[in-house]
Amino acid sequence: MTTDARVQPNETTVPLLHCASAPETLAFWRALGFEVTYEQTKPYLYLALRWSGFELHYGRAPAGLDPAAENTGGCLVMVDAVAPYHATFSEAMRRAYGRVLVKGQPRMTRYRAGASRFTVVDPSGNNIIFIQRDEPTELEYGGSKQLRGLARVLDNARILREFKNDDRAAFRALDSGLRRHGDAAPAVEQGLALAALIELSAALGDAELVPGWGTRLAALRLTEGERERVRRAVADPAALTPWLPRAT
């Protein structure tokens, strides 16, 4: 379609999200540093918030909406680099809540070094996904066909975690993949899988499994460079310290 010469390519799109609770929504985004630019609850609900260079607007949620289902809606926020955004929100959460919110609602998904996206889930179940502009457009669910064995399992788990936000499916894939391919895989790949299983077990409420994964991790013969690679693969490297202490 030919564009009318009077139309200028300088549009701004602002997402309009469902809001199940105005007080909870405002409190959460204020805690992350957002400015409330408009607040109205009667005769109808409308909220507008701004941070950095983008805005989030909220309207009344439809009757029967269940925020716990987390299928309310959401939006994509395209950025040059996602790590600074995750770090900024993590610091804000620690100040406001004493910890980074990684479970329940609201929450933020974990960020691992090199990841190209993360998600903030608001109190109404909306998913605000921060995506790096140069993120690869092609995804191979099941893992890259160019990889084999445990390396492909690790790639599949990465996709399940970062693109589908499905920690349980990632856990099952890694657990099964380690049984099938672990003995033949390089030690560093085993270490990456075990580190992810430690992180996932804690996140999924299966903390009783952590010592077993940790014992196996501690038994691997890794170079210091490989140990550092394994540490960088999880959101909180300190979680691996009991089994992967730093050299003194």
Protein backbone atom coordinates (compact mmCIF):
# COMPACT_ATOMS: atom_id res chain seq x y z
CA MET A 1 0.00 0.00 0.00
CA THR A 2 1.30 3.44 -0.90
CA THR A 3 1.74 5.74 2.09
CA ASP A 4 0.13 9.16 1.88
CA ALA A 5 2.86 11.80 1.70
CA ARG A 6 1.16 13.64 4.57
CA VAL A 7 1.77 10.66 6.91
CA GLN A 8 5.08 11.03 8.72
CA PRO A 9 6.95 7.94 10.01
CA ASN A 10 7.26 9.19 13.57
CA GLU A 11 4.44 7.28 15.23
CA THR A 12 4.49 6.12 18.85
CA THR A 13 2.66 2.99 19.93
CA VAL A 14 1.66 2.77 23.60
CA PRO A 15 0.45 -0.61 24.93
CA LEU A 16 -2.91 -0.62 26.74
CA LEU A 17 -2.89 -3.46 29.27
CA HIS A 18 -5.62 -4.96 31.45
CA CYS A 19 -5.51 -3.95 35.11
CA ALA A 20 -7.05 -6.19 37.78
CA SER A 21 -6.02 -3.96 40.71
CA ALA A 22 -5.06 -0.31 40.36
CA PRO A 23 -3.39 -0.03 43.80
CA GLU A 24 -1.25 -3.14 43.24
CA THR A 25 -0.32 -2.07 39.71
CA LEU A 26 0.68 1.44 40.77
CA ALA A 27 2.62 0.22 43.81
CA PHE A 28 4.60 -2.29 41.77
CA TRP A 29 5.65 0.02 38.96
CA ARG A 30 6.39 2.86 41.36
CA ALA A 31 8.68 0.47 43.24
CA LEU A 32 10.56 -0.12 39.96
CA GLY A 33 10.98 3.61 39.46
CA PHE A 34 8.14 4.39 37.05
CA GLU A 35 6.46 7.79 37.10
CA VAL A 36 2.66 7.83 37.19
CA THR A 37 1.63 10.39 34.58
CA TYR A 38 -2.13 9.79 34.78
CA GLU A 39 -4.30 8.12 37.41
CA GLN A 40 -8.07 7.76 37.19
CA THR A 41 -10.37 5.16 38.72
CA LYS A 42 -13.80 6.80 38.15
CA PRO A 43 -15.94 6.88 36.08
CA TYR A 44 -13.58 4.39 34.44
CA LEU A 45 -10.11 3.07 35.15
CA TYR A 46 -7.14 4.51 33.31
CA LEU A 47 -3.53 4.55 34.41
CA ALA A 48 -0.48 5.81 32.57
CA LEU A 49 3.13 5.22 33.63
CA ARG A 50 6.44 6.26 32.15
CA TRP A 51 10.04 5.18 32.63
CA SER A 52 13.07 5.95 30.49
CA GLY A 53 11.77 6.19 26.92
CA PHE A 54 8.58 4.11 27.02
CA GLU A 55 5.11 4.10 28.56
CA LEU A 56 2.66 1.54 29.88
CA HIS A 57 -1.06 2.35 30.01
CA TYR A 58 -3.73 0.33 31.81
CA GLY A 59 -7.49 0.02 31.48
CA ARG A 60 -10.14 -1.99 33.28
CA ALA A 61 -9.83 -5.75 33.06
CA PRO A 62 -12.75 -7.75 31.64
CA ALA A 63 -15.05 -9.57 34.05
CA GLY A 64 -13.78 -13.00 35.01
CA LEU A 65 -10.14 -12.29 34.23
CA ASP A 66 -7.82 -14.49 36.28
CA PRO A 67 -4.41 -12.83 36.72
CA ALA A 68 -2.96 -16.14 37.92
CA ALA A 69 -3.44 -17.60 34.44
CA GLU A 70 -0.90 -15.07 33.13
CA ASN A 71 -2.57 -14.89 29.73
CA THR A 72 -3.96 -11.41 30.27
CA GLY A 73 -1.80 -9.74 27.67
CA GLY A 74 1.45 -7.90 27.50
CA CYS A 75 3.87 -6.11 25.24
CA LEU A 76 7.39 -6.19 23.86
CA VAL A 77 9.98 -3.55 24.76
CA MET A 78 12.80 -3.54 22.21
CA VAL A 79 16.14 -2.32 23.62
CA ASP A 80 19.79 -2.19 22.59
CA ALA A 81 20.96 -4.35 25.52
CA VAL A 82 18.77 -6.11 28.08
CA ALA A 83 21.32 -6.61 30.87
CA PRO A 84 21.23 -2.97 32.14
CA TYR A 85 17.42 -3.07 32.34
CA HIS A 86 17.42 -6.28 34.35
CA ALA A 87 20.13 -4.92 36.65
CA THR A 88 18.22 -1.67 37.21
CA PHE A 89 14.96 -3.46 38.03
CA SER A 90 16.77 -5.94 40.28
CA GLU A 91 18.27 -3.09 42.31
CA ALA A 92 14.87 -1.39 42.57
CA MET A 93 13.22 -4.61 43.77
CA ARG A 94 15.89 -5.14 46.42
CA ARG A 95 15.32 -1.61 47.71
CA ALA A 96 11.53 -1.95 47.72
CA TYR A 97 11.02 -5.60 48.67
CA GLY A 98 14.34 -6.68 50.12
CA ARG A 99 14.87 -9.21 47.32
CA VAL A 100 14.44 -9.76 43.61
CA LEU A 101 10.93 -11.11 42.99
CA VAL A 102 11.33 -14.38 41.08
CA LYS A 103 8.21 -16.29 42.18
CA GLY A 104 4.49 -15.59 42.13
CA GLN A 105 3.08 -12.26 40.97
CA PRO A 106 4.53 -9.78 40.38
CA ARG A 107 7.95 -11.16 39.44
CA MET A 108 10.83 -10.93 37.00
CA THR A 109 12.45 -13.83 35.22
CA ARG A 110 16.11 -14.53 35.91
CA TYR A 111 18.79 -13.19 33.62
CA ARG A 112 21.83 -15.21 32.62
CA ALA A 113 24.90 -13.68 31.00
CA GLY A 114 24.43 -13.52 27.25
CA ALA A 115 20.63 -13.86 27.31
CA SER A 116 18.71 -11.69 24.84
CA ARG A 117 15.46 -11.23 26.80
CA PHE A 118 13.74 -11.30 30.16
CA THR A 119 10.15 -10.86 31.31
CA VAL A 120 8.45 -8.78 33.98
CA VAL A 121 5.08 -10.22 35.06
CA ASP A 122 2.91 -7.50 36.61
CA PRO A 123 0.24 -7.98 39.32
CA SER A 124 -2.44 -8.49 36.65
CA GLY A 125 -0.59 -11.29 34.85
CA ASN A 126 0.60 -9.18 31.92
CA ASN A 127 3.98 -10.13 30.46
CA ILE A 128 6.22 -7.17 29.65
CA ILE A 129 9.08 -8.72 27.67
CA PHE A 130 12.35 -6.84 27.21
CA ILE A 131 14.07 -8.02 24.02
CA GLN A 132 17.46 -7.15 22.60
CA ARG A 133 17.11 -5.74 19.10
CA ASP A 134 19.76 -8.01 17.61
CA GLU A 135 18.19 -11.16 19.04
CA PRO A 136 18.30 -14.01 16.48
CA THR A 137 14.97 -14.37 14.70
CA GLU A 138 15.24 -18.11 14.13
CA LEU A 139 14.47 -20.49 16.99
CA GLU A 140 14.83 -24.25 16.91
CA TYR A 141 12.63 -25.75 19.60
CA GLY A 142 14.22 -28.97 20.67
CA GLY A 143 17.66 -27.36 20.35
CA SER A 144 19.78 -26.37 17.39
CA LYS A 145 20.10 -29.13 14.78
CA GLN A 146 23.75 -28.15 14.43
CA LEU A 147 24.38 -29.41 17.97
CA ARG A 148 24.48 -32.95 19.29
CA GLY A 149 23.97 -34.73 22.59
CA LEU A 150 23.96 -32.70 25.78
CA ALA A 151 24.90 -29.48 23.94
CA ARG A 152 21.61 -29.67 22.05
CA VAL A 153 19.72 -30.39 25.27
CA LEU A 154 21.28 -27.29 26.85
CA ASP A 155 20.21 -25.19 23.87
CA ASN A 156 16.68 -26.55 24.09
CA ALA A 157 16.51 -25.78 27.82
CA ARG A 158 17.70 -22.22 27.12
CA ILE A 159 14.86 -21.71 24.66
CA LEU A 160 12.28 -23.20 27.02
CA ARG A 161 13.41 -20.88 29.82
CA GLU A 162 14.02 -17.65 27.97
CA PHE A 163 11.37 -17.77 25.24
CA LYS A 164 8.58 -19.88 26.77
CA ASN A 165 9.20 -19.09 30.46
CA ASP A 166 8.64 -22.79 31.13
CA ASP A 167 11.05 -23.74 33.92
CA ARG A 168 9.35 -27.09 34.49
CA ALA A 169 9.79 -28.18 30.87
CA ALA A 170 13.41 -27.02 30.96
CA PHE A 171 14.00 -29.03 34.13
CA ARG A 172 12.55 -32.18 32.56
CA ALA A 173 14.62 -31.71 29.41
CA LEU A 174 17.86 -31.28 31.35
CA ASP A 175 17.16 -34.13 33.77
CA SER A 176 16.37 -36.50 30.90
CA GLY A 177 19.19 -35.21 28.72
CA LEU A 178 21.79 -35.61 31.46
CA ARG A 179 20.76 -39.24 31.93
CA ARG A 180 20.95 -39.96 28.19
CA HIS A 181 24.04 -38.00 27.21
CA GLY A 182 25.87 -37.07 30.41
CA ASP A 183 28.51 -39.81 30.42
CA ALA A 184 29.61 -39.00 26.87
CA ALA A 185 29.47 -35.22 27.22
CA PRO A 186 32.45 -32.97 28.01
CA ALA A 187 32.75 -32.13 31.70
CA VAL A 188 31.92 -28.47 31.12
CA GLU A 189 28.63 -29.37 29.42
CA GLN A 190 27.77 -31.62 32.36
CA GLY A 191 28.62 -28.72 34.65
CA LEU A 192 26.34 -26.34 32.75
CA ALA A 193 23.48 -28.83 32.94
CA LEU A 194 23.98 -29.48 36.67
CA ALA A 195 24.21 -25.75 37.42
CA ALA A 196 20.94 -25.16 35.57
CA LEU A 197 19.29 -28.04 37.45
CA ILE A 198 20.45 -26.54 40.78
CA GLU A 199 18.94 -23.18 39.81
CA LEU A 200 15.73 -24.71 38.48
CA SER A 201 15.24 -27.02 41.48
CA ALA A 202 15.38 -24.03 43.82
CA ALA A 203 13.04 -21.98 41.62
CA LEU A 204 10.50 -24.80 41.30
CA GLY A 205 10.38 -25.55 45.02
CA ASP A 206 12.32 -28.81 44.72
CA ALA A 207 15.18 -27.71 46.97
CA GLU A 208 15.68 -31.26 48.27
CA LEU A 209 17.17 -32.15 44.87
CA VAL A 210 19.84 -29.45 45.03
CA PRO A 211 22.43 -31.32 47.18
CA GLY A 212 22.41 -34.27 44.77
CA TRP A 213 23.03 -32.06 41.74
CA GLY A 214 25.64 -30.13 43.73
CA THR A 215 27.55 -33.27 44.72
CA ARG A 216 27.76 -34.30 41.09
CA LEU A 217 28.93 -30.81 40.11
CA ALA A 218 31.67 -30.83 42.75
CA ALA A 219 32.96 -34.17 41.42
CA LEU A 220 33.59 -32.85 37.91
CA ARG A 221 37.15 -32.11 36.83
CA LEU A 222 36.91 -28.59 35.42
CA THR A 223 39.55 -26.03 34.56
CA GLU A 224 39.23 -22.65 36.27
CA GLY A 225 38.04 -21.20 32.96
CA GLU A 226 35.34 -23.86 32.71
CA ARG A 227 34.32 -23.31 36.32
CA GLU A 228 33.89 -19.60 35.58
CA ARG A 229 31.80 -20.42 32.51
CA VAL A 230 29.51 -22.59 34.65
CA ARG A 231 29.18 -19.81 37.25
CA ARG A 232 28.22 -17.27 34.57
CA ALA A 233 25.50 -19.58 33.28
CA VAL A 234 23.26 -19.01 36.32
CA ALA A 235 21.60 -15.83 37.53
CA ASP A 236 23.16 -16.03 40.99
CA PRO A 237 26.66 -17.59 40.91
CA ALA A 238 26.71 -17.61 44.73
CA ALA A 239 24.16 -20.43 44.61
CA LEU A 240 26.92 -22.69 43.26
CA THR A 241 29.57 -21.72 45.82
CA PRO A 242 29.08 -24.75 48.12
CA TRP A 243 30.08 -27.05 45.24
CA LEU A 244 32.07 -24.71 43.02
CA PRO A 245 34.12 -22.46 45.30
CA ARG A 246 36.41 -19.85 43.77
CA ALA A 247 40.13 -20.42 43.90
CA THR A 248 41.83 -18.68 46.83
